PDB file of N, CA and C in Angstrom:
ATOM      1  N   MET A   1       0.741  -0.904   0.092  1.00  0.00           N
ATOM      2  CA  MET A   1      -0.290  -0.118  -0.281  1.00  0.00           C
ATOM      3  C   MET A   1       1.067   1.430   0.341  1.00  0.00           C
ATOM      4  N   LEU A   2       0.331   1.985  -0.948  1.00  0.00           N
ATOM      5  CA  LEU A   2       1.165   3.239  -0.624  1.00  0.00           C
ATOM      6  C   LEU A   2       1.284   4.627   0.156  1.00  0.00           C
ATOM      7  N   PRO A   3       2.121   5.152   0.682  1.00  0.00           N
ATOM      8  CA  PRO A   3       1.663   6.616   1.381  1.00  0.00           C
ATOM      9  C   PRO A   3       0.746   7.640   0.962  1.00  0.00           C
ATOM     10  N   ASN A   4      -0.204   8.391   1.523  1.00  0.00           N
ATOM     11  CA  ASN A   4      -1.242   9.320   0.399  1.00  0.00           C
ATOM     12  C   ASN A   4      -0.495  10.110  -0.217  1.00  0.00           C
ATOM     13  N   ASP A   5       0.665  10.319   0.340  1.00  0.00           N
ATOM     14  CA  ASP A   5       1.147  11.517  -0.718  1.00  0.00           C
ATOM     15  C   ASP A   5       2.379  11.212  -1.774  1.00  0.00           C
ATOM     16  N   GLU A   6       2.382   9.250  -2.225  1.00  0.00           N
ATOM     17  CA  GLU A   6       2.599   9.290  -3.614  1.00  0.00           C
ATOM     18  C   GLU A   6       1.726   8.980  -4.556  1.00  0.00           C
ATOM     19  N   ILE A   7      -0.018   9.379  -3.902  1.00  0.00           N
ATOM     20  CA  ILE A   7      -0.737   9.059  -4.973  1.00  0.00           C
ATOM     21  C   ILE A   7      -0.693  10.382  -5.414  1.00  0.00           C
ATOM     22  N   PRO A   8      -0.648  10.680  -6.938  1.00  0.00           N
ATOM     23  CA  PRO A   8      -1.191  11.734  -7.741  1.00  0.00           C
ATOM     24  C   PRO A   8      -2.850  12.247  -7.624  1.00  0.00           C
ATOM     25  N   TRP A   9      -3.262  12.925  -7.083  1.00  0.00           N
ATOM     26  CA  TRP A   9      -4.778  13.281  -7.358  1.00  0.00           C
ATOM     27  C   TRP A   9      -5.141  14.436  -7.890  1.00  0.00           C
ATOM     28  N   ARG A  10      -4.470  15.232  -8.969  1.00  0.00           N
ATOM     29  CA  ARG A  10      -4.335  15.772  -9.394  1.00  0.00           C
ATOM     30  C   ARG A  10      -3.143  15.303 -10.974  1.00  0.00           C
ATOM     31  N   ARG A  11      -3.749  16.264 -12.460  1.00  0.00           N
ATOM     32  CA  ARG A  11      -2.884  15.725 -13.392  1.00  0.00           C
ATOM     33  C   ARG A  11      -1.856  16.031 -13.124  1.00  0.00           C
ATOM     34  N   GLU A  12      -1.747  17.431 -12.903  1.00  0.00           N
ATOM     35  CA  GLU A  12      -0.168  17.984 -12.669  1.00  0.00           C
ATOM     36  C   GLU A  12       0.885  17.812 -12.020  1.00  0.00           C
ATOM     37  N   GLN A  13       0.474  16.386 -10.818  1.00  0.00           N
ATOM     38  CA  GLN A  13       1.145  15.830  -9.855  1.00  0.00           C
ATOM     39  C   GLN A  13       1.807  14.407 -10.915  1.00  0.00           C
ATOM     40  N   PHE A  14       0.484  13.563 -11.406  1.00  0.00           N
ATOM     41  CA  PHE A  14       0.743  12.683 -12.528  1.00  0.00           C
ATOM     42  C   PHE A  14       1.866  12.937 -13.280  1.00  0.00           C
ATOM     43  N   ASP A  15       1.827  13.757 -14.457  1.00  0.00           N
ATOM     44  CA  ASP A  15       2.702  14.698 -14.865  1.00  0.00           C
ATOM     45  C   ASP A  15       4.031  14.837 -14.659  1.00  0.00           C
ATOM     46  N   GLU A  16       4.277  15.601 -13.390  1.00  0.00           N
ATOM     47  CA  GLU A  16       5.351  15.868 -12.393  1.00  0.00           C
ATOM     48  C   GLU A  16       6.316  14.637 -12.980  1.00  0.00           C
ATOM     49  N   LEU A  17       5.420  13.684 -11.543  1.00  0.00           N
ATOM     50  CA  LEU A  17       6.163  12.695 -11.161  1.00  0.00           C
ATOM     51  C   LEU A  17       6.524  11.285 -12.318  1.00  0.00           C
ATOM     52  N   TYR A  18       5.405  11.157 -13.237  1.00  0.00           N
ATOM     53  CA  TYR A  18       5.864   9.721 -14.077  1.00  0.00           C
ATOM     54  C   TYR A  18       5.353   9.834 -15.693  1.00  0.00           C
ATOM     55  N   TRP A  19       5.657  10.982 -15.936  1.00  0.00           N
ATOM     56  CA  TRP A  19       5.192  11.525 -17.119  1.00  0.00           C
ATOM     57  C   TRP A  19       6.459  12.679 -18.271  1.00  0.00           C
ATOM     58  N   GLU A  20       6.354  13.145 -17.574  1.00  0.00           N
ATOM     59  CA  GLU A  20       7.463  14.189 -18.278  1.00  0.00           C
ATOM     60  C   GLU A  20       8.552  13.578 -18.855  1.00  0.00           C
ATOM     61  N   SER A  21       9.334  12.365 -18.097  1.00  0.00           N
ATOM     62  CA  SER A  21      10.965  12.038 -18.175  1.00  0.00           C
ATOM     63  C   SER A  21      10.514  11.219 -18.906  1.00  0.00           C
ATOM     64  N   LEU A  22       9.125  10.189 -19.666  1.00  0.00           N
ATOM     65  CA  LEU A  22       8.813   9.541 -20.542  1.00  0.00           C
ATOM     66  C   LEU A  22       8.876  10.056 -21.724  1.00  0.00           C
ATOM     67  N   SER A  23       7.938  11.357 -21.563  1.00  0.00           N
ATOM     68  CA  SER A  23       8.356  12.694 -22.966  1.00  0.00           C
ATOM     69  C   SER A  23       8.825  13.052 -23.484  1.00  0.00           C
ATOM     70  N   GLN A  24       9.910  13.085 -22.552  1.00  0.00           N
ATOM     71  CA  GLN A  24      11.028  13.799 -23.338  1.00  0.00           C
ATOM     72  C   GLN A  24      12.029  12.337 -23.818  1.00  0.00           C
ATOM     73  N   LEU A  25      11.886  11.945 -23.884  1.00  0.00           N
ATOM     74  CA  LEU A  25      12.450  10.775 -24.798  1.00  0.00           C
ATOM     75  C   LEU A  25      12.713  11.301 -26.416  1.00  0.00           C
ATOM     76  N   GLY A  26      11.032  11.271 -26.763  1.00  0.00           N
ATOM     77  CA  GLY A  26      11.225  12.042 -28.524  1.00  0.00           C
ATOM     78  C   GLY A  26      10.510  10.780 -29.182  1.00  0.00           C
ATOM     79  N   SER A  27      10.619  11.331 -30.868  1.00  0.00           N
ATOM     80  CA  SER A  27      10.231   9.957 -31.502  1.00  0.00           C
ATOM     81  C   SER A  27      11.384   9.123 -31.583  1.00  0.00           C
ATOM     82  N   SER A  28      12.650   9.971 -30.973  1.00  0.00           N
ATOM     83  CA  SER A  28      14.164   8.670 -31.712  1.00  0.00           C
ATOM     84  C   SER A  28      15.126   9.394 -31.018  1.00  0.00           C
ATOM     85  N   THR A  29      16.027   8.800 -30.021  1.00  0.00           N
ATOM     86  CA  THR A  29      17.213   8.781 -29.748  1.00  0.00           C
ATOM     87  C   THR A  29      18.590   8.278 -30.086  1.00  0.00           C
ATOM     88  N   VAL A  30      20.184   8.541 -30.379  1.00  0.00           N
ATOM     89  CA  VAL A  30      20.606   8.332 -30.440  1.00  0.00           C
ATOM     90  C   VAL A  30      21.286   7.771 -29.588  1.00  0.00           C
ATOM     91  N   THR A  31      22.395   6.358 -29.271  1.00  0.00           N
ATOM     92  CA  THR A  31      23.291   6.567 -28.041  1.00  0.00           C
ATOM     93  C   THR A  31      24.739   7.014 -28.280  1.00  0.00           C
ATOM     94  N   ASP A  32      25.323   6.849 -27.286  1.00  0.00           N
ATOM     95  CA  ASP A  32      27.062   7.815 -27.895  1.00  0.00           C
ATOM     96  C   ASP A  32      27.607   6.697 -26.816  1.00  0.00           C
ATOM     97  N   CYS A  33      28.639   5.766 -27.724  1.00  0.00           N
ATOM     98  CA  CYS A  33      29.341   5.095 -26.686  1.00  0.00           C
ATOM     99  C   CYS A  33      30.535   5.674 -27.107  1.00  0.00           C
ATOM    100  N   SER A  34      30.928   6.911 -27.269  1.00  0.00           N
ATOM    101  CA  SER A  34      32.076   7.372 -27.294  1.00  0.00           C
ATOM    102  C   SER A  34      32.773   7.555 -25.964  1.00  0.00           C
ATOM    103  N   ASP A  35      32.321   7.427 -24.878  1.00  0.00           N
ATOM    104  CA  ASP A  35      32.661   7.319 -23.040  1.00  0.00           C
ATOM    105  C   ASP A  35      33.688   6.586 -22.995  1.00  0.00           C
ATOM    106  N   ASP A  36      33.699   5.462 -23.983  1.00  0.00           N
ATOM    107  CA  ASP A  36      34.353   4.280 -23.330  1.00  0.00           C
ATOM    108  C   ASP A  36      34.780   3.630 -24.817  1.00  0.00           C
ATOM    109  N   PRO A  37      37.015   3.927 -24.993  1.00  0.00           N
ATOM    110  CA  PRO A  37      37.352   3.818 -25.983  1.00  0.00           C
ATOM    111  C   PRO A  37      37.858   2.676 -27.039  1.00  0.00           C
ATOM    112  N   LEU A  38      37.056   1.350 -25.885  1.00  0.00           N
ATOM    113  CA  LEU A  38      37.323  -0.019 -26.453  1.00  0.00           C
ATOM    114  C   LEU A  38      35.714  -1.043 -26.961  1.00  0.00           C
ATOM    115  N   VAL A  39      34.574   0.505 -26.792  1.00  0.00           N
ATOM    116  CA  VAL A  39      33.006   0.028 -27.415  1.00  0.00           C
ATOM    117  C   VAL A  39      33.048   1.471 -28.309  1.00  0.00           C
ATOM    118  N   SER A  40      32.278   0.651 -29.502  1.00  0.00           N
ATOM    119  CA  SER A  40      32.033   1.235 -30.997  1.00  0.00           C
ATOM    120  C   SER A  40      30.646   1.336 -30.667  1.00  0.00           C
ATOM    121  N   CYS A  41      29.862   1.994 -31.311  1.00  0.00           N
ATOM    122  CA  CYS A  41      28.115   1.607 -31.848  1.00  0.00           C
ATOM    123  C   CYS A  41      27.699   2.359 -32.416  1.00  0.00           C
ATOM    124  N   SER A  42      26.407   1.990 -32.565  1.00  0.00           N
ATOM    125  CA  SER A  42      25.768   3.211 -33.127  1.00  0.00           C
ATOM    126  C   SER A  42      24.189   2.571 -33.364  1.00  0.00           C
ATOM    127  N   ILE A  43      23.457   2.947 -32.045  1.00  0.00           N
ATOM    128  CA  ILE A  43      22.149   2.730 -31.718  1.00  0.00           C
ATOM    129  C   ILE A  43      21.053   3.761 -31.365  1.00  0.00           C
ATOM    130  N   VAL A  44      20.061   3.658 -32.125  1.00  0.00           N
ATOM    131  CA  VAL A  44      18.661   4.521 -32.308  1.00  0.00           C
ATOM    132  C   VAL A  44      17.282   3.706 -30.969  1.00  0.00           C
ATOM    133  N   VAL A  45      17.058   4.571 -31.012  1.00  0.00           N
ATOM    134  CA  VAL A  45      15.743   4.033 -30.160  1.00  0.00           C
ATOM    135  C   VAL A  45      14.855   4.599 -30.306  1.00  0.00           C
ATOM    136  N   THR A  46      13.459   4.221 -30.894  1.00  0.00           N
ATOM    137  CA  THR A  46      12.570   4.861 -31.433  1.00  0.00           C
ATOM    138  C   THR A  46      11.848   4.692 -30.875  1.00  0.00           C
ATOM    139  N   VAL A  47      10.528   5.798 -30.405  1.00  0.00           N
ATOM    140  CA  VAL A  47       9.506   5.161 -29.515  1.00  0.00           C
ATOM    141  C   VAL A  47       8.221   5.882 -30.491  1.00  0.00           C
ATOM    142  N   SER A  48       7.448   4.757 -30.262  1.00  0.00           N
ATOM    143  CA  SER A  48       6.062   4.869 -31.972  1.00  0.00           C
ATOM    144  C   SER A  48       5.143   4.665 -30.901  1.00  0.00           C
ATOM    145  N   ARG A  49       4.664   4.799 -29.590  1.00  0.00           N
ATOM    146  CA  ARG A  49       3.521   4.447 -28.916  1.00  0.00           C
ATOM    147  C   ARG A  49       3.845   5.442 -27.709  1.00  0.00           C
ATOM    148  N   LEU A  50       3.408   7.222 -26.915  1.00  0.00           N
ATOM    149  CA  LEU A  50       3.518   7.011 -25.825  1.00  0.00           C
ATOM    150  C   LEU A  50       2.573   7.856 -25.247  1.00  0.00           C
ATOM    151  N   ASP A  51       1.531   7.445 -24.704  1.00  0.00           N
ATOM    152  CA  ASP A  51      -0.119   7.779 -24.145  1.00  0.00           C
ATOM    153  C   ASP A  51      -0.107   7.336 -22.641  1.00  0.00           C
ATOM    154  N   SER A  52      -1.001   8.583 -22.215  1.00  0.00           N
ATOM    155  CA  SER A  52      -1.821   8.314 -20.901  1.00  0.00           C
ATOM    156  C   SER A  52      -2.898   8.422 -20.644  1.00  0.00           C
ATOM    157  N   ASN A  53      -3.570   8.174 -19.612  1.00  0.00           N
ATOM    158  CA  ASN A  53      -5.288   8.242 -19.570  1.00  0.00           C
ATOM    159  C   ASN A  53      -4.863   8.638 -17.925  1.00  0.00           C
ATOM    160  N   TYR A  54      -5.992   9.456 -17.254  1.00  0.00           N
ATOM    161  CA  TYR A  54      -6.083  10.246 -16.319  1.00  0.00           C
ATOM    162  C   TYR A  54      -7.191  10.480 -16.128  1.00  0.00           C
ATOM    163  N   ASP A  55      -7.726  10.105 -15.131  1.00  0.00           N
ATOM    164  CA  ASP A  55      -8.901  10.184 -14.304  1.00  0.00           C
ATOM    165  C   ASP A  55      -9.016  10.961 -12.828  1.00  0.00           C
ATOM    166  N   ILE A  56      -9.566  11.731 -12.540  1.00  0.00           N
ATOM    167  CA  ILE A  56     -10.419  11.689 -10.941  1.00  0.00           C
ATOM    168  C   ILE A  56     -11.718  12.297 -11.262  1.00  0.00           C
ATOM    169  N   THR A  57     -11.716  11.637 -10.067  1.00  0.00           N
ATOM    170  CA  THR A  57     -13.356  12.366  -9.018  1.00  0.00           C
ATOM    171  C   THR A  57     -13.357  12.351  -7.576  1.00  0.00           C
ATOM    172  N   GLY A  58     -13.160  13.744  -7.738  1.00  0.00           N
ATOM    173  CA  GLY A  58     -12.755  14.361  -5.882  1.00  0.00           C
ATOM    174  C   GLY A  58     -11.854  15.428  -6.398  1.00  0.00           C
ATOM    175  N   ASN A  59     -11.296  15.945  -5.143  1.00  0.00           N
ATOM    176  CA  ASN A  59     -10.147  16.815  -4.770  1.00  0.00           C
ATOM    177  C   ASN A  59      -9.317  16.351  -3.944  1.00  0.00           C
ATOM    178  N   GLY A  60      -8.660  15.146  -3.861  1.00  0.00           N
ATOM    179  CA  GLY A  60      -8.113  15.086  -2.487  1.00  0.00           C
ATOM    180  C   GLY A  60      -8.372  14.426  -1.195  1.00  0.00           C
ATOM    181  N   GLU A  61      -9.926  14.977  -1.045  1.00  0.00           N
ATOM    182  CA  GLU A  61     -10.607  14.310   0.122  1.00  0.00           C
ATOM    183  C   GLU A  61     -10.832  12.557   0.133  1.00  0.00           C
ATOM    184  N   VAL A  62     -11.382  11.943   1.208  1.00  0.00           N
ATOM    185  CA  VAL A  62     -11.510  10.589   1.675  1.00  0.00           C
ATOM    186  C   VAL A  62     -12.876  10.400   0.760  1.00  0.00           C
ATOM    187  N   GLY A  63     -12.799   9.557  -0.245  1.00  0.00           N
ATOM    188  CA  GLY A  63     -13.657   8.868  -1.181  1.00  0.00           C
ATOM    189  C   GLY A  63     -13.127   9.641  -2.611  1.00  0.00           C
ATOM    190  N   THR A  64     -12.301  10.204  -2.971  1.00  0.00           N
ATOM    191  CA  THR A  64     -11.738  10.811  -4.181  1.00  0.00           C
ATOM    192  C   THR A  64     -11.170   9.287  -5.335  1.00  0.00           C
ATOM    193  N   LEU A  65     -11.342   9.592  -6.328  1.00  0.00           N
ATOM    194  CA  LEU A  65     -11.240   7.801  -6.986  1.00  0.00           C
ATOM    195  C   LEU A  65     -10.234   8.802  -8.222  1.00  0.00           C
ATOM    196  N   ILE A  66      -9.116   7.742  -8.435  1.00  0.00           N
ATOM    197  CA  ILE A  66      -8.261   8.077  -9.476  1.00  0.00           C
ATOM    198  C   ILE A  66      -7.907   6.592 -10.419  1.00  0.00           C
ATOM    199  N   THR A  67      -8.418   7.445 -11.249  1.00  0.00           N
ATOM    200  CA  THR A  67      -7.747   6.285 -12.536  1.00  0.00           C
ATOM    201  C   THR A  67      -6.726   6.421 -13.410  1.00  0.00           C
ATOM    202  N   GLY A  68      -5.916   5.381 -13.803  1.00  0.00           N
ATOM    203  CA  GLY A  68      -4.767   6.223 -14.438  1.00  0.00           C
ATOM    204  C   GLY A  68      -3.948   4.711 -15.159  1.00  0.00           C
ATOM    205  N   SER A  69      -3.587   5.026 -16.215  1.00  0.00           N
ATOM    206  CA  SER A  69      -3.105   4.414 -17.414  1.00  0.00           C
ATOM    207  C   SER A  69      -1.612   4.624 -18.321  1.00  0.00           C
ATOM    208  N   VAL A  70      -0.678   4.266 -18.835  1.00  0.00           N
ATOM    209  CA  VAL A  70       0.224   5.026 -19.091  1.00  0.00           C
ATOM    210  C   VAL A  70       1.396   3.976 -20.352  1.00  0.00           C
ATOM    211  N   GLY A  71       1.621   4.320 -21.220  1.00  0.00           N
ATOM    212  CA  GLY A  71       1.969   2.946 -21.767  1.00  0.00           C
ATOM    213  C   GLY A  71       2.799   3.540 -22.920  1.00  0.00           C
ATOM    214  N   TYR A  72       3.790   2.795 -23.673  1.00  0.00           N
ATOM    215  CA  TYR A  72       4.414   3.224 -24.709  1.00  0.00           C
ATOM    216  C   TYR A  72       5.143   1.723 -25.353  1.00  0.00           C
ATOM    217  N   ASN A  73       5.756   1.938 -26.791  1.00  0.00           N
ATOM    218  CA  ASN A  73       6.229   0.944 -27.773  1.00  0.00           C
ATOM    219  C   ASN A  73       7.522   1.581 -28.113  1.00  0.00           C
ATOM    220  N   TRP A  74       8.319   0.731 -27.917  1.00  0.00           N
ATOM    221  CA  TRP A  74       9.932   1.330 -28.422  1.00  0.00           C
ATOM    222  C   TRP A  74      10.507   0.598 -28.920  1.00  0.00           C
ATOM    223  N   ARG A  75      11.691   0.719 -29.974  1.00  0.00           N
ATOM    224  CA  ARG A  75      12.460  -0.634 -30.203  1.00  0.00           C
ATOM    225  C   ARG A  75      13.994   0.419 -30.448  1.00  0.00           C
ATOM    226  N   ILE A  76      14.800  -0.644 -30.467  1.00  0.00           N
ATOM    227  CA  ILE A  76      15.921  -0.289 -30.404  1.00  0.00           C
ATOM    228  C   ILE A  76      16.785  -1.029 -31.818  1.00  0.00           C
ATOM    229  N   THR A  77      17.443  -0.294 -31.983  1.00  0.00           N
ATOM    230  CA  THR A  77      18.147  -0.805 -33.716  1.00  0.00           C
ATOM    231  C   THR A  77      19.816  -0.466 -33.912  1.00  0.00           C
ATOM    232  N   GLY A  78      20.478  -1.129 -34.046  1.00  0.00           N
ATOM    233  CA  GLY A  78      21.765  -0.970 -34.866  1.00  0.00           C
ATOM    234  C   GLY A  78      22.512  -1.947 -34.366  1.00  0.00           C
ATOM    235  N   TRP A  79      23.940  -1.410 -33.694  1.00  0.00           N
ATOM    236  CA  TRP A  79      24.780  -2.340 -33.582  1.00  0.00           C
ATOM    237  C   TRP A  79      25.746  -1.720 -32.120  1.00  0.00           C
ATOM    238  N   MET A  80      26.782  -2.733 -31.956  1.00  0.00           N
ATOM    239  CA  MET A  80      27.466  -2.599 -30.792  1.00  0.00           C
ATOM    240  C   MET A  80      28.806  -3.343 -31.163  1.00  0.00           C
ATOM    241  N   GLU A  81      30.211  -2.892 -30.928  1.00  0.00           N
ATOM    242  CA  GLU A  81      31.070  -3.613 -31.589  1.00  0.00           C
ATOM    243  C   GLU A  81      32.246  -3.888 -29.492  1.00  0.00           C
ATOM    244  N   SER A  82      32.377  -4.790 -29.530  1.00  0.00           N
ATOM    245  CA  SER A  82      33.050  -4.593 -28.218  1.00  0.00           C
ATOM    246  C   SER A  82      34.682  -5.646 -28.080  1.00  0.00           C
ATOM    247  N   SER A  83      35.554  -5.397 -27.873  1.00  0.00           N
ATOM    248  CA  SER A  83      37.073  -6.109 -28.329  1.00  0.00           C
ATOM    249  C   SER A  83      36.753  -6.903 -29.239  1.00  0.00           C
ATOM    250  N   GLY A  84      37.049  -6.575 -30.769  1.00  0.00           N
ATOM    251  CA  GLY A  84      36.383  -6.728 -31.741  1.00  0.00           C
ATOM    252  C   GLY A  84      35.329  -8.196 -31.677  1.00  0.00           C
ATOM    253  N   ARG A  85      34.421  -7.708 -31.005  1.00  0.00           N
ATOM    254  CA  ARG A  85      33.015  -8.754 -32.000  1.00  0.00           C
ATOM    255  C   ARG A  85      31.827  -7.505 -31.788  1.00  0.00           C
ATOM    256  N   ARG A  86      31.302  -7.638 -33.069  1.00  0.00           N
ATOM    257  CA  ARG A  86      29.977  -6.859 -32.880  1.00  0.00           C
ATOM    258  C   ARG A  86      28.500  -7.626 -33.395  1.00  0.00           C
ATOM    259  N   GLN A  87      28.085  -7.141 -32.596  1.00  0.00           N
ATOM    260  CA  GLN A  87      26.599  -7.510 -31.913  1.00  0.00           C
ATOM    261  C   GLN A  87      25.837  -6.532 -32.964  1.00  0.00           C
ATOM    262  N   THR A  88      24.820  -6.989 -33.539  1.00  0.00           N
ATOM    263  CA  THR A  88      23.422  -6.235 -33.952  1.00  0.00           C
ATOM    264  C   THR A  88      22.584  -6.296 -33.260  1.00  0.00           C
ATOM    265  N   ILE A  89      21.863  -5.652 -33.281  1.00  0.00           N
ATOM    266  CA  ILE A  89      20.543  -5.109 -31.975  1.00  0.00           C
ATOM    267  C   ILE A  89      19.637  -4.630 -32.427  1.00  0.00           C
ATOM    268  N   ASP A  90      18.164  -4.987 -32.326  1.00  0.00           N
ATOM    269  CA  ASP A  90      17.158  -5.204 -32.817  1.00  0.00           C
ATOM    270  C   ASP A  90      15.820  -5.837 -32.191  1.00  0.00           C
ATOM    271  N   GLN A  91      15.417  -5.012 -30.821  1.00  0.00           N
ATOM    272  CA  GLN A  91      14.664  -5.398 -30.200  1.00  0.00           C
ATOM    273  C   GLN A  91      13.313  -4.379 -30.033  1.00  0.00           C
ATOM    274  N   SER A  92      12.696  -4.505 -29.518  1.00  0.00           N
ATOM    275  CA  SER A  92      11.537  -4.157 -29.342  1.00  0.00           C
ATOM    276  C   SER A  92      10.814  -4.577 -27.706  1.00  0.00           C
ATOM    277  N   ASN A  93      10.305  -3.478 -27.255  1.00  0.00           N
ATOM    278  CA  ASN A  93       9.449  -3.634 -26.584  1.00  0.00           C
ATOM    279  C   ASN A  93       7.911  -2.639 -25.995  1.00  0.00           C
ATOM    280  N   SER A  94       7.001  -3.185 -25.256  1.00  0.00           N
ATOM    281  CA  SER A  94       5.823  -2.636 -25.442  1.00  0.00           C
ATOM    282  C   SER A  94       5.552  -2.850 -23.587  1.00  0.00           C
ATOM    283  N   TRP A  95       5.746  -0.972 -22.922  1.00  0.00           N
ATOM    284  CA  TRP A  95       4.836  -1.583 -21.758  1.00  0.00           C
ATOM    285  C   TRP A  95       3.432  -0.367 -21.260  1.00  0.00           C
ATOM    286  N   ALA A  96       2.883  -1.313 -20.567  1.00  0.00           N
ATOM    287  CA  ALA A  96       1.807  -0.208 -20.331  1.00  0.00           C
ATOM    288  C   ALA A  96       1.153  -0.782 -18.408  1.00  0.00           C
ATOM    289  N   PHE A  97       0.895   0.284 -17.738  1.00  0.00           N
ATOM    290  CA  PHE A  97      -0.023  -0.972 -16.849  1.00  0.00           C
ATOM    291  C   PHE A  97      -0.726   0.722 -16.480  1.00  0.00           C
ATOM    292  N   GLY A  98      -1.592   0.079 -15.519  1.00  0.00           N
ATOM    293  CA  GLY A  98      -3.097   0.836 -15.093  1.00  0.00           C
ATOM    294  C   GLY A  98      -3.118   0.752 -13.271  1.00  0.00           C
ATOM    295  N   TRP A  99      -3.747   1.321 -13.329  1.00  0.00           N
ATOM    296  CA  TRP A  99      -3.808   1.674 -11.698  1.00  0.00           C
ATOM    297  C   TRP A  99      -5.856   2.241 -11.499  1.00  0.00           C
ATOM    298  N   ARG A 100      -6.145   1.865 -10.133  1.00  0.00           N
ATOM    299  CA  ARG A 100      -7.364   2.548  -8.986  1.00  0.00           C
ATOM    300  C   ARG A 100      -7.099   2.812  -8.255  1.00  0.00           C
ATOM    301  N   TRP A 101      -7.396   3.701  -7.536  1.00  0.00           N
ATOM    302  CA  TRP A 101      -7.516   4.352  -6.283  1.00  0.00           C
ATOM    303  C   TRP A 101      -8.099   5.511  -5.700  1.00  0.00           C
ATOM    304  N   GLU A 102      -8.454   4.604  -4.230  1.00  0.00           N
ATOM    305  CA  GLU A 102      -9.801   5.168  -3.611  1.00  0.00           C
ATOM    306  C   GLU A 102      -8.966   5.822  -2.563  1.00  0.00           C
ATOM    307  N   ARG A 103      -8.934   7.151  -2.167  1.00  0.00           N
ATOM    308  CA  ARG A 103      -8.503   7.684  -0.874  1.00  0.00           C
ATOM    309  C   ARG A 103      -9.763   7.509   0.093  1.00  0.00           C
ATOM    310  N   LYS A 104      -9.133   6.412   1.291  1.00  0.00           N
ATOM    311  CA  LYS A 104      -9.975   5.602   3.029  1.00  0.00           C
ATOM    312  C   LYS A 104      -9.677   6.795   3.860  1.00  0.00           C
ATOM    313  N   SER A 105      -9.047   7.543   4.146  1.00  0.00           N
ATOM    314  CA  SER A 105      -8.444   7.973   5.204  1.00  0.00           C
ATOM    315  C   SER A 105      -7.551   9.307   4.402  1.00  0.00           C
TER     316      SER A 105
END
């Protein structure tokens, strides 16, 4: 069970806590391997779906009901070479979760 102060009961709190960091990914991100002289790579992360739904009934008092969901699809493509061994990268991932919360006290 989460403490009440960790449950966002306003849309602004939800965006602040959970969504801003995901939305900053944008549609694609290129990874840089130049910080390790023994590794070279060309990796692209492409985000193809990034969405959320959030609904509040109440204003934080006892009985306030919150439902929400978030989800994204992303794909990593490219290659990485370390110690003379080259590896091709092509991996997709989908992630989503939802919740329903009612303040009881």
